[in-house]
Amino acid sequence: DCAGPDRAIEIAAFLSTAPGPGGAPLNMPIEVRQTMSAPTQ
C-alpha cells in the first residue's frame, strides 16, 4: 500500500535484485498490478 505507481515500480525494482547463485542479483521479473477496490456507490 504505497503512494502510487512510481513507488510500486521502485519497490518491484528493488525486489528484483534479490541475490541468486554466486550472490549476483537475479534481476527477476516482478509484475506490478494495482488491486481493484469495491465500488463506492
Full PDB file with SEQRES, HELIX, SHEET, SSBOND, CRYST1, ORIGX, SCALE, CONECT and MASTER records, all heavy atoms in Angstrom:
SEQRES   1 A   41  ASP CYS ALA GLY PRO ASP ARG ALA ILE GLU ILE ALA ALA          
SEQRES   2 A   41  PHE LEU SER THR ALA PRO GLY PRO GLY GLY ALA PRO LEU          
SEQRES   3 A   41  ASN MET PRO ILE GLU VAL ARG GLN THR MET SER ALA PRO          
SEQRES   4 A   41  THR GLN                                                      
HELIX    1 AA1 PRO A    5  SER A   16  1                                  12    
HELIX    2 AA2 PRO A   21  GLY A   23  5                                   3    
CRYST1    1.000    1.000    1.000  90.00  90.00  90.00 P 1           1          
ORIGX1      1.000000  0.000000  0.000000        0.00000                         
ORIGX2      0.000000  1.000000  0.000000        0.00000                         
ORIGX3      0.000000  0.000000  1.000000        0.00000                         
SCALE1      1.000000  0.000000  0.000000        0.00000                         
SCALE2      0.000000  1.000000  0.000000        0.00000                         
SCALE3      0.000000  0.000000  1.000000        0.00000                         
ATOM      1  N   ASP A   1       0.882  -1.160   0.000  1.00  0.00           N  
ATOM      2  CA  ASP A   1       0.000   0.000   0.000  1.00  0.00           C  
ATOM      3  C   ASP A   1       0.920   1.210   0.000  1.00  0.00           C  
ATOM      4  O   ASP A   1       1.565   1.514   0.999  1.00  0.00           O  
ATOM      5  CB  ASP A   1      -0.883  -0.028   1.249  1.00  0.00           C  
ATOM      6  CG  ASP A   1      -2.015   0.990   1.188  1.00  0.00           C  
ATOM      7  OD1 ASP A   1      -2.005   1.848   0.280  1.00  0.00           O  
ATOM      8  OD2 ASP A   1      -2.899   0.929   2.061  1.00  0.00           O  
ATOM      9  N   CYS A   2       1.038   1.838  -1.162  1.00  0.00           N  
ATOM     10  CA  CYS A   2       2.035   2.908  -1.313  1.00  0.00           C  
ATOM     11  C   CYS A   2       1.422   4.107  -2.034  1.00  0.00           C  
ATOM     12  O   CYS A   2       0.275   4.075  -2.435  1.00  0.00           O  
ATOM     13  CB  CYS A   2       3.264   2.378  -2.028  1.00  0.00           C  
ATOM     14  SG  CYS A   2       2.947   1.688  -3.657  1.00  0.00           S  
ATOM     15  N   ALA A   3       2.228   5.136  -2.196  1.00  0.00           N  
ATOM     16  CA  ALA A   3       1.755   6.422  -2.722  1.00  0.00           C  
ATOM     17  C   ALA A   3       1.228   6.351  -4.152  1.00  0.00           C  
ATOM     18  O   ALA A   3       0.378   7.144  -4.530  1.00  0.00           O  
ATOM     19  CB  ALA A   3       2.870   7.461  -2.636  1.00  0.00           C  
ATOM     20  N   GLY A   4       1.721   5.451  -4.951  1.00  0.00           N  
ATOM     21  CA  GLY A   4       1.268   5.400  -6.334  1.00  0.00           C  
ATOM     22  C   GLY A   4       2.114   4.464  -7.165  1.00  0.00           C  
ATOM     23  O   GLY A   4       2.991   3.764  -6.653  1.00  0.00           O  
ATOM     24  N   PRO A   5       1.875   4.456  -8.473  1.00  0.00           N  
ATOM     25  CA  PRO A   5       2.553   3.506  -9.344  1.00  0.00           C  
ATOM     26  C   PRO A   5       4.066   3.668  -9.388  1.00  0.00           C  
ATOM     27  O   PRO A   5       4.788   2.676  -9.487  1.00  0.00           O  
ATOM     28  CB  PRO A   5       1.927   3.744 -10.721  1.00  0.00           C  
ATOM     29  CG  PRO A   5       1.277   5.081 -10.645  1.00  0.00           C  
ATOM     30  CD  PRO A   5       0.933   5.308  -9.203  1.00  0.00           C  
ATOM     31  N   ASP A   6       4.554   4.883  -9.276  1.00  0.00           N  
ATOM     32  CA  ASP A   6       6.013   5.073  -9.310  1.00  0.00           C  
ATOM     33  C   ASP A   6       6.677   4.386  -8.121  1.00  0.00           C  
ATOM     34  O   ASP A   6       7.721   3.753  -8.260  1.00  0.00           O  
ATOM     35  CB  ASP A   6       6.378   6.561  -9.324  1.00  0.00           C  
ATOM     36  CG  ASP A   6       6.004   7.235 -10.634  1.00  0.00           C  
ATOM     37  OD1 ASP A   6       5.786   6.528 -11.639  1.00  0.00           O  
ATOM     38  OD2 ASP A   6       5.925   8.476 -10.652  1.00  0.00           O  
ATOM     39  N   ARG A   7       6.058   4.509  -6.950  1.00  0.00           N  
ATOM     40  CA  ARG A   7       6.622   3.851  -5.760  1.00  0.00           C  
ATOM     41  C   ARG A   7       6.493   2.335  -5.887  1.00  0.00           C  
ATOM     42  O   ARG A   7       7.418   1.607  -5.517  1.00  0.00           O  
ATOM     43  CB  ARG A   7       5.935   4.360  -4.485  1.00  0.00           C  
ATOM     44  CG  ARG A   7       6.396   3.668  -3.222  1.00  0.00           C  
ATOM     45  CD  ARG A   7       7.868   3.886  -2.926  1.00  0.00           C  
ATOM     46  NE  ARG A   7       8.226   3.182  -1.694  1.00  0.00           N  
ATOM     47  CZ  ARG A   7       9.402   2.619  -1.474  1.00  0.00           C  
ATOM     48  NH1 ARG A   7      10.379   2.711  -2.365  1.00  0.00           N  
ATOM     49  NH2 ARG A   7       9.630   1.987  -0.349  1.00  0.00           N  
ATOM     50  N   ALA A   8       5.397   1.835  -6.404  1.00  0.00           N  
ATOM     51  CA  ALA A   8       5.234   0.390  -6.586  1.00  0.00           C  
ATOM     52  C   ALA A   8       6.319  -0.148  -7.523  1.00  0.00           C  
ATOM     53  O   ALA A   8       6.899  -1.213  -7.273  1.00  0.00           O  
ATOM     54  CB  ALA A   8       3.841   0.071  -7.123  1.00  0.00           C  
ATOM     55  N   ILE A   9       6.619   0.590  -8.572  1.00  0.00           N  
ATOM     56  CA  ILE A   9       7.673   0.189  -9.508  1.00  0.00           C  
ATOM     57  C   ILE A   9       9.037   0.238  -8.826  1.00  0.00           C  
ATOM     58  O   ILE A   9       9.870  -0.657  -9.024  1.00  0.00           O  
ATOM     59  CB  ILE A   9       7.615   1.067 -10.780  1.00  0.00           C  
ATOM     60  CG1 ILE A   9       6.369   0.705 -11.590  1.00  0.00           C  
ATOM     61  CG2 ILE A   9       8.884   0.935 -11.609  1.00  0.00           C  
ATOM     62  CD1 ILE A   9       6.040   1.674 -12.700  1.00  0.00           C  
ATOM     63  N   GLU A  10       9.260   1.245  -8.013  1.00  0.00           N  
ATOM     64  CA  GLU A  10      10.519   1.344  -7.273  1.00  0.00           C  
ATOM     65  C   GLU A  10      10.710   0.138  -6.340  1.00  0.00           C  
ATOM     66  O   GLU A  10      11.791  -0.442  -6.279  1.00  0.00           O  
ATOM     67  CB  GLU A  10      10.516   2.644  -6.462  1.00  0.00           C  
ATOM     68  CG  GLU A  10      11.770   2.909  -5.678  1.00  0.00           C  
ATOM     69  CD  GLU A  10      11.673   4.207  -4.877  1.00  0.00           C  
ATOM     70  OE1 GLU A  10      10.875   5.099  -5.223  1.00  0.00           O  
ATOM     71  OE2 GLU A  10      12.413   4.308  -3.887  1.00  0.00           O  
ATOM     72  N   ILE A  11       9.648  -0.244  -5.642  1.00  0.00           N  
ATOM     73  CA  ILE A  11       9.714  -1.412  -4.759  1.00  0.00           C  
ATOM     74  C   ILE A  11       9.988  -2.669  -5.567  1.00  0.00           C  
ATOM     75  O   ILE A  11      10.833  -3.486  -5.212  1.00  0.00           O  
ATOM     76  CB  ILE A  11       8.416  -1.553  -3.937  1.00  0.00           C  
ATOM     77  CG1 ILE A  11       8.268  -0.375  -2.969  1.00  0.00           C  
ATOM     78  CG2 ILE A  11       8.385  -2.877  -3.191  1.00  0.00           C  
ATOM     79  CD1 ILE A  11       6.883  -0.261  -2.323  1.00  0.00           C  
ATOM     80  N   ALA A  12       9.270  -2.839  -6.681  1.00  0.00           N  
ATOM     81  CA  ALA A  12       9.452  -4.022  -7.522  1.00  0.00           C  
ATOM     82  C   ALA A  12      10.881  -4.105  -8.053  1.00  0.00           C  
ATOM     83  O   ALA A  12      11.481  -5.188  -8.073  1.00  0.00           O  
ATOM     84  CB  ALA A  12       8.457  -4.007  -8.678  1.00  0.00           C  
ATOM     85  N   ALA A  13      11.441  -2.982  -8.458  1.00  0.00           N  
ATOM     86  CA  ALA A  13      12.817  -2.968  -8.971  1.00  0.00           C  
ATOM     87  C   ALA A  13      13.798  -3.408  -7.888  1.00  0.00           C  
ATOM     88  O   ALA A  13      14.730  -4.171  -8.156  1.00  0.00           O  
ATOM     89  CB  ALA A  13      13.179  -1.590  -9.492  1.00  0.00           C  
ATOM     90  N   PHE A  14      13.585  -2.947  -6.659  1.00  0.00           N  
ATOM     91  CA  PHE A  14      14.441  -3.368  -5.550  1.00  0.00           C  
ATOM     92  C   PHE A  14      14.311  -4.869  -5.309  1.00  0.00           C  
ATOM     93  O   PHE A  14      15.312  -5.577  -5.184  1.00  0.00           O  
ATOM     94  CB  PHE A  14      14.095  -2.580  -4.276  1.00  0.00           C  
ATOM     95  CG  PHE A  14      14.784  -3.112  -3.060  1.00  0.00           C  
ATOM     96  CD1 PHE A  14      16.152  -2.963  -2.900  1.00  0.00           C  
ATOM     97  CD2 PHE A  14      14.073  -3.776  -2.080  1.00  0.00           C  
ATOM     98  CE1 PHE A  14      16.804  -3.472  -1.777  1.00  0.00           C  
ATOM     99  CE2 PHE A  14      14.707  -4.278  -0.957  1.00  0.00           C  
ATOM    100  CZ  PHE A  14      16.072  -4.127  -0.808  1.00  0.00           C  
ATOM    101  N   LEU A  15      13.082  -5.371  -5.262  1.00  0.00           N  
ATOM    102  CA  LEU A  15      12.868  -6.803  -5.016  1.00  0.00           C  
ATOM    103  C   LEU A  15      13.487  -7.655  -6.119  1.00  0.00           C  
ATOM    104  O   LEU A  15      13.957  -8.762  -5.869  1.00  0.00           O  
ATOM    105  CB  LEU A  15      11.372  -7.096  -4.889  1.00  0.00           C  
ATOM    106  CG  LEU A  15      10.681  -6.458  -3.682  1.00  0.00           C  
ATOM    107  CD1 LEU A  15       9.170  -6.596  -3.802  1.00  0.00           C  
ATOM    108  CD2 LEU A  15      11.188  -7.057  -2.385  1.00  0.00           C  
ATOM    109  N   SER A  16      13.502  -7.139  -7.328  1.00  0.00           N  
ATOM    110  CA  SER A  16      14.070  -7.850  -8.467  1.00  0.00           C  
ATOM    111  C   SER A  16      15.553  -8.156  -8.291  1.00  0.00           C  
ATOM    112  O   SER A  16      16.081  -9.075  -8.896  1.00  0.00           O  
ATOM    113  CB  SER A  16      13.861  -7.012  -9.738  1.00  0.00           C  
ATOM    114  OG  SER A  16      14.478  -7.599 -10.844  1.00  0.00           O  
ATOM    115  N   THR A  17      16.212  -7.383  -7.425  1.00  0.00           N  
ATOM    116  CA  THR A  17      17.662  -7.542  -7.243  1.00  0.00           C  
ATOM    117  C   THR A  17      18.034  -8.594  -6.207  1.00  0.00           C  
ATOM    118  O   THR A  17      19.211  -8.702  -5.836  1.00  0.00           O  
ATOM    119  CB  THR A  17      18.324  -6.213  -6.842  1.00  0.00           C  
ATOM    120  OG1 THR A  17      17.877  -5.829  -5.527  1.00  0.00           O  
ATOM    121  CG2 THR A  17      18.037  -5.122  -7.842  1.00  0.00           C  
ATOM    122  N   ALA A  18      17.087  -9.382  -5.748  1.00  0.00           N  
ATOM    123  CA  ALA A  18      17.403 -10.433  -4.767  1.00  0.00           C  
ATOM    124  C   ALA A  18      18.568 -11.279  -5.285  1.00  0.00           C  
ATOM    125  O   ALA A  18      18.652 -11.560  -6.486  1.00  0.00           O  
ATOM    126  CB  ALA A  18      16.180 -11.310  -4.519  1.00  0.00           C  
ATOM    127  N   PRO A  19      19.467 -11.680  -4.383  1.00  0.00           N  
ATOM    128  CA  PRO A  19      20.638 -12.432  -4.834  1.00  0.00           C  
ATOM    129  C   PRO A  19      20.292 -13.864  -5.229  1.00  0.00           C  
ATOM    130  O   PRO A  19      19.385 -14.476  -4.683  1.00  0.00           O  
ATOM    131  CB  PRO A  19      21.553 -12.416  -3.602  1.00  0.00           C  
ATOM    132  CG  PRO A  19      20.621 -12.292  -2.447  1.00  0.00           C  
ATOM    133  CD  PRO A  19      19.486 -11.447  -2.941  1.00  0.00           C  
ATOM    134  N   GLY A  20      21.056 -14.365  -6.165  1.00  0.00           N  
ATOM    135  CA  GLY A  20      20.939 -15.744  -6.611  1.00  0.00           C  
ATOM    136  C   GLY A  20      22.274 -16.435  -6.521  1.00  0.00           C  
ATOM    137  O   GLY A  20      23.108 -16.079  -5.674  1.00  0.00           O  
ATOM    138  N   PRO A  21      22.538 -17.383  -7.397  1.00  0.00           N  
ATOM    139  CA  PRO A  21      23.807 -18.108  -7.379  1.00  0.00           C  
ATOM    140  C   PRO A  21      25.005 -17.157  -7.453  1.00  0.00           C  
ATOM    141  O   PRO A  21      25.013 -16.207  -8.225  1.00  0.00           O  
ATOM    142  CB  PRO A  21      23.724 -19.000  -8.618  1.00  0.00           C  
ATOM    143  CG  PRO A  21      22.259 -19.214  -8.822  1.00  0.00           C  
ATOM    144  CD  PRO A  21      21.637 -17.905  -8.418  1.00  0.00           C  
ATOM    145  N   GLY A  22      25.963 -17.391  -6.605  1.00  0.00           N  
ATOM    146  CA  GLY A  22      27.155 -16.558  -6.570  1.00  0.00           C  
ATOM    147  C   GLY A  22      26.918 -15.186  -5.972  1.00  0.00           C  
ATOM    148  O   GLY A  22      27.794 -14.337  -5.992  1.00  0.00           O  
ATOM    149  N   GLY A  23      25.713 -14.937  -5.459  1.00  0.00           N  
ATOM    150  CA  GLY A  23      25.392 -13.645  -4.867  1.00  0.00           C  
ATOM    151  C   GLY A  23      25.016 -12.577  -5.867  1.00  0.00           C  
ATOM    152  O   GLY A  23      24.703 -11.447  -5.493  1.00  0.00           O  
ATOM    153  N   ALA A  24      25.040 -12.918  -7.146  1.00  0.00           N  
ATOM    154  CA  ALA A  24      24.694 -11.936  -8.184  1.00  0.00           C  
ATOM    155  C   ALA A  24      23.197 -11.633  -8.147  1.00  0.00           C  
ATOM    156  O   ALA A  24      22.390 -12.529  -7.890  1.00  0.00           O  
ATOM    157  CB  ALA A  24      25.070 -12.480  -9.561  1.00  0.00           C  
ATOM    158  N   PRO A  25      22.805 -10.380  -8.410  1.00  0.00           N  
ATOM    159  CA  PRO A  25      21.378 -10.051  -8.459  1.00  0.00           C  
ATOM    160  C   PRO A  25      20.677 -10.876  -9.536  1.00  0.00           C  
ATOM    161  O   PRO A  25      21.196 -11.026 -10.647  1.00  0.00           O  
ATOM    162  CB  PRO A  25      21.348  -8.566  -8.813  1.00  0.00           C  
ATOM    163  CG  PRO A  25      22.714  -8.062  -8.534  1.00  0.00           C  
ATOM    164  CD  PRO A  25      23.650  -9.220  -8.677  1.00  0.00           C  
ATOM    165  N   LEU A  26      19.495 -11.390  -9.197  1.00  0.00           N  
ATOM    166  CA  LEU A  26      18.745 -12.188 -10.166  1.00  0.00           C  
ATOM    167  C   LEU A  26      18.108 -11.325 -11.251  1.00  0.00           C  
ATOM    168  O   LEU A  26      17.903 -11.783 -12.367  1.00  0.00           O  
ATOM    169  CB  LEU A  26      17.641 -12.982  -9.458  1.00  0.00           C  
ATOM    170  CG  LEU A  26      18.107 -14.104  -8.548  1.00  0.00           C  
ATOM    171  CD1 LEU A  26      16.923 -14.695  -7.787  1.00  0.00           C  
ATOM    172  CD2 LEU A  26      18.805 -15.184  -9.357  1.00  0.00           C  
ATOM    173  N   ASN A  27      17.781 -10.071 -10.904  1.00  0.00           N  
ATOM    174  CA  ASN A  27      17.055  -9.208 -11.839  1.00  0.00           C  
ATOM    175  C   ASN A  27      15.833  -9.934 -12.398  1.00  0.00           C  
ATOM    176  O   ASN A  27      15.551  -9.901 -13.598  1.00  0.00           O  
ATOM    177  CB  ASN A  27      17.974  -8.703 -12.952  1.00  0.00           C  
ATOM    178  CG  ASN A  27      19.107  -7.879 -12.394  1.00  0.00           C  
ATOM    179  OD1 ASN A  27      18.940  -7.136 -11.431  1.00  0.00           O  
ATOM    180  ND2 ASN A  27      20.277  -8.032 -12.966  1.00  0.00           N  
ATOM    181  N   MET A  28      15.127 -10.608 -11.487  1.00  0.00           N  
ATOM    182  CA  MET A  28      13.958 -11.401 -11.878  1.00  0.00           C  
ATOM    183  C   MET A  28      12.778 -10.501 -12.200  1.00  0.00           C  
ATOM    184  O   MET A  28      12.676  -9.397 -11.675  1.00  0.00           O  
ATOM    185  CB  MET A  28      13.600 -12.386 -10.782  1.00  0.00           C  
ATOM    186  CG  MET A  28      13.239 -11.757  -9.467  1.00  0.00           C  
ATOM    187  SD  MET A  28      13.141 -12.993  -8.186  1.00  0.00           S  
ATOM    188  CE  MET A  28      13.424 -11.949  -6.768  1.00  0.00           C  
ATOM    189  N   PRO A  29      11.905 -10.961 -13.072  1.00  0.00           N  
ATOM    190  CA  PRO A  29      10.744 -10.139 -13.422  1.00  0.00           C  
ATOM    191  C   PRO A  29       9.751 -10.077 -12.265  1.00  0.00           C  
ATOM    192  O   PRO A  29       9.437 -11.084 -11.651  1.00  0.00           O  
ATOM    193  CB  PRO A  29      10.143 -10.869 -14.627  1.00  0.00           C  
ATOM    194  CG  PRO A  29      10.648 -12.262 -14.537  1.00  0.00           C  
ATOM    195  CD  PRO A  29      11.952 -12.211 -13.812  1.00  0.00           C  
ATOM    196  N   ILE A  30       9.286  -8.872 -11.965  1.00  0.00           N  
ATOM    197  CA  ILE A  30       8.256  -8.645 -10.951  1.00  0.00           C  
ATOM    198  C   ILE A  30       7.119  -7.909 -11.653  1.00  0.00           C  
ATOM    199  O   ILE A  30       7.301  -6.783 -12.140  1.00  0.00           O  
ATOM    200  CB  ILE A  30       8.770  -7.794  -9.769  1.00  0.00           C  
ATOM    201  CG1 ILE A  30      10.043  -8.375  -9.155  1.00  0.00           C  
ATOM    202  CG2 ILE A  30       7.665  -7.598  -8.737  1.00  0.00           C  
ATOM    203  CD1 ILE A  30       9.877  -9.629  -8.345  1.00  0.00           C  
ATOM    204  N   GLU A  31       5.973  -8.549 -11.749  1.00  0.00           N  
ATOM    205  CA  GLU A  31       4.812  -7.910 -12.366  1.00  0.00           C  
ATOM    206  C   GLU A  31       4.141  -7.010 -11.335  1.00  0.00           C  
ATOM    207  O   GLU A  31       3.929  -7.416 -10.198  1.00  0.00           O  
ATOM    208  CB  GLU A  31       3.830  -8.982 -12.843  1.00  0.00           C  
ATOM    209  CG  GLU A  31       2.609  -8.421 -13.536  1.00  0.00           C  
ATOM    210  CD  GLU A  31       1.664  -9.501 -14.035  1.00  0.00           C  
ATOM    211  OE1 GLU A  31       2.082 -10.668 -14.150  1.00  0.00           O  
ATOM    212  OE2 GLU A  31       0.502  -9.162 -14.300  1.00  0.00           O  
ATOM    213  N   VAL A  32       3.801  -5.780 -11.718  1.00  0.00           N  
ATOM    214  CA  VAL A  32       3.158  -4.806 -10.831  1.00  0.00           C  
ATOM    215  C   VAL A  32       1.732  -4.601 -11.319  1.00  0.00           C  
ATOM    216  O   VAL A  32       1.520  -4.211 -12.472  1.00  0.00           O  
ATOM    217  CB  VAL A  32       3.923  -3.462 -10.836  1.00  0.00           C  
ATOM    218  CG1 VAL A  32       3.210  -2.429  -9.979  1.00  0.00           C  
ATOM    219  CG2 VAL A  32       5.360  -3.665 -10.388  1.00  0.00           C  
ATOM    220  N   ARG A  33       0.764  -4.876 -10.414  1.00  0.00           N  
ATOM    221  CA  ARG A  33      -0.641  -4.697 -10.786  1.00  0.00           C  
ATOM    222  C   ARG A  33      -1.389  -4.019  -9.657  1.00  0.00           C  
ATOM    223  O   ARG A  33      -1.307  -4.460  -8.512  1.00  0.00           O  
ATOM    224  CB  ARG A  33      -1.286  -6.048 -11.081  1.00  0.00           C  
ATOM    225  CG  ARG A  33      -0.552  -6.724 -12.214  1.00  0.00           C  
ATOM    226  CD  ARG A  33      -1.230  -7.808 -12.932  1.00  0.00           C  
ATOM    227  NE  ARG A  33      -2.622  -7.698 -13.157  1.00  0.00           N  
ATOM    228  CZ  ARG A  33      -3.372  -8.773 -13.375  1.00  0.00           C  
ATOM    229  NH1 ARG A  33      -2.851  -9.981 -13.358  1.00  0.00           N  
ATOM    230  NH2 ARG A  33      -4.657  -8.639 -13.596  1.00  0.00           N  
ATOM    231  N   GLN A  34      -2.093  -2.965  -9.971  1.00  0.00           N  
ATOM    232  CA  GLN A  34      -2.915  -2.302  -8.964  1.00  0.00           C  
ATOM    233  C   GLN A  34      -4.078  -3.215  -8.611  1.00  0.00           C  
ATOM    234  O   GLN A  34      -4.653  -3.871  -9.486  1.00  0.00           O  
ATOM    235  CB  GLN A  34      -3.433  -0.959  -9.482  1.00  0.00           C  
ATOM    236  CG  GLN A  34      -4.166  -0.169  -8.427  1.00  0.00           C  
ATOM    237  CD  GLN A  34      -4.534   1.237  -8.878  1.00  0.00           C  
ATOM    238  OE1 GLN A  34      -4.203   1.655  -9.980  1.00  0.00           O  
ATOM    239  NE2 GLN A  34      -5.222   1.959  -8.026  1.00  0.00           N  
ATOM    240  N   THR A  35      -4.422  -3.265  -7.337  1.00  0.00           N  
ATOM    241  CA  THR A  35      -5.568  -4.067  -6.930  1.00  0.00           C  
ATOM    242  C   THR A  35      -6.841  -3.254  -7.155  1.00  0.00           C  
ATOM    243  O   THR A  35      -6.821  -2.020  -7.135  1.00  0.00           O  
ATOM    244  CB  THR A  35      -5.478  -4.496  -5.449  1.00  0.00           C  
ATOM    245  OG1 THR A  35      -5.503  -3.328  -4.627  1.00  0.00           O  
ATOM    246  CG2 THR A  35      -4.221  -5.296  -5.185  1.00  0.00           C  
ATOM    247  N   MET A  36      -7.914  -3.960  -7.369  1.00  0.00           N  
ATOM    248  CA  MET A  36      -9.203  -3.295  -7.558  1.00  0.00           C  
ATOM    249  C   MET A  36      -9.873  -3.172  -6.199  1.00  0.00           C  
ATOM    250  O   MET A  36      -9.673  -3.995  -5.311  1.00  0.00           O  
ATOM    251  CB  MET A  36     -10.090  -4.112  -8.496  1.00  0.00           C  
ATOM    252  CG  MET A  36      -9.562  -4.146  -9.918  1.00  0.00           C  
ATOM    253  SD  MET A  36     -10.552  -5.164 -11.030  1.00  0.00           S  
ATOM    254  CE  MET A  36     -12.126  -4.354 -10.971  1.00  0.00           C  
ATOM    255  N   SER A  37     -10.674  -2.137  -6.053  1.00  0.00           N  
ATOM    256  CA  SER A  37     -11.460  -1.986  -4.838  1.00  0.00           C  
ATOM    257  C   SER A  37     -12.934  -2.077  -5.207  1.00  0.00           C  
ATOM    258  O   SER A  37     -13.310  -1.946  -6.375  1.00  0.00           O  
ATOM    259  CB  SER A  37     -11.143  -0.657  -4.161  1.00  0.00           C  
ATOM    260  OG  SER A  37     -11.456   0.414  -5.028  1.00  0.00           O  
ATOM    261  N   ALA A  38     -13.743  -2.301  -4.210  1.00  0.00           N  
ATOM    262  CA  ALA A  38     -15.185  -2.397  -4.444  1.00  0.00           C  
ATOM    263  C   ALA A  38     -15.737  -1.038  -4.858  1.00  0.00           C  
ATOM    264  O   ALA A  38     -15.174   0.007  -4.509  1.00  0.00           O  
ATOM    265  CB  ALA A  38     -15.877  -2.878  -3.181  1.00  0.00           C  
ATOM    266  N   PRO A  39     -16.837  -1.040  -5.575  1.00  0.00           N  
ATOM    267  CA  PRO A  39     -17.464   0.236  -5.930  1.00  0.00           C  
ATOM    268  C   PRO A  39     -17.827   1.020  -4.669  1.00  0.00           C  
ATOM    269  O   PRO A  39     -18.182   0.431  -3.649  1.00  0.00           O  
ATOM    270  CB  PRO A  39     -18.725  -0.175  -6.687  1.00  0.00           C  
ATOM    271  CG  PRO A  39     -18.511  -1.594  -7.091  1.00  0.00           C  
ATOM    272  CD  PRO A  39     -17.562  -2.185  -6.098  1.00  0.00           C  
ATOM    273  N   THR A  40     -17.725   2.337  -4.743  1.00  0.00           N  
ATOM    274  CA  THR A  40     -18.050   3.167  -3.591  1.00  0.00           C  
ATOM    275  C   THR A  40     -19.546   3.450  -3.487  1.00  0.00           C  
ATOM    276  O   THR A  40     -20.054   3.689  -2.411  1.00  0.00           O  
ATOM    277  CB  THR A  40     -17.280   4.496  -3.642  1.00  0.00           C  
ATOM    278  OG1 THR A  40     -17.562   5.131  -4.887  1.00  0.00           O  
ATOM    279  CG2 THR A  40     -15.790   4.242  -3.511  1.00  0.00           C  
ATOM    280  N   GLN A  41     -20.230   3.463  -4.603  1.00  0.00           N  
ATOM    281  CA  GLN A  41     -21.679   3.690  -4.616  1.00  0.00           C  
ATOM    282  C   GLN A  41     -22.307   2.724  -5.592  1.00  0.00           C  
ATOM    283  O   GLN A  41     -21.666   2.249  -6.525  1.00  0.00           O  
ATOM    284  CB  GLN A  41     -22.007   5.108  -5.051  1.00  0.00           C  
ATOM    285  CG  GLN A  41     -21.483   6.155  -4.091  1.00  0.00           C  
ATOM    286  CD  GLN A  41     -21.831   7.572  -4.607  1.00  0.00           C  
ATOM    287  OE1 GLN A  41     -22.642   7.723  -5.514  1.00  0.00           O  
ATOM    288  NE2 GLN A  41     -21.229   8.573  -4.018  1.00  0.00           N  
TER     289      GLN A  41                                                      
MASTER        0    0    0    2    0    0    0    6  288    1    0    4          
END                                                                             
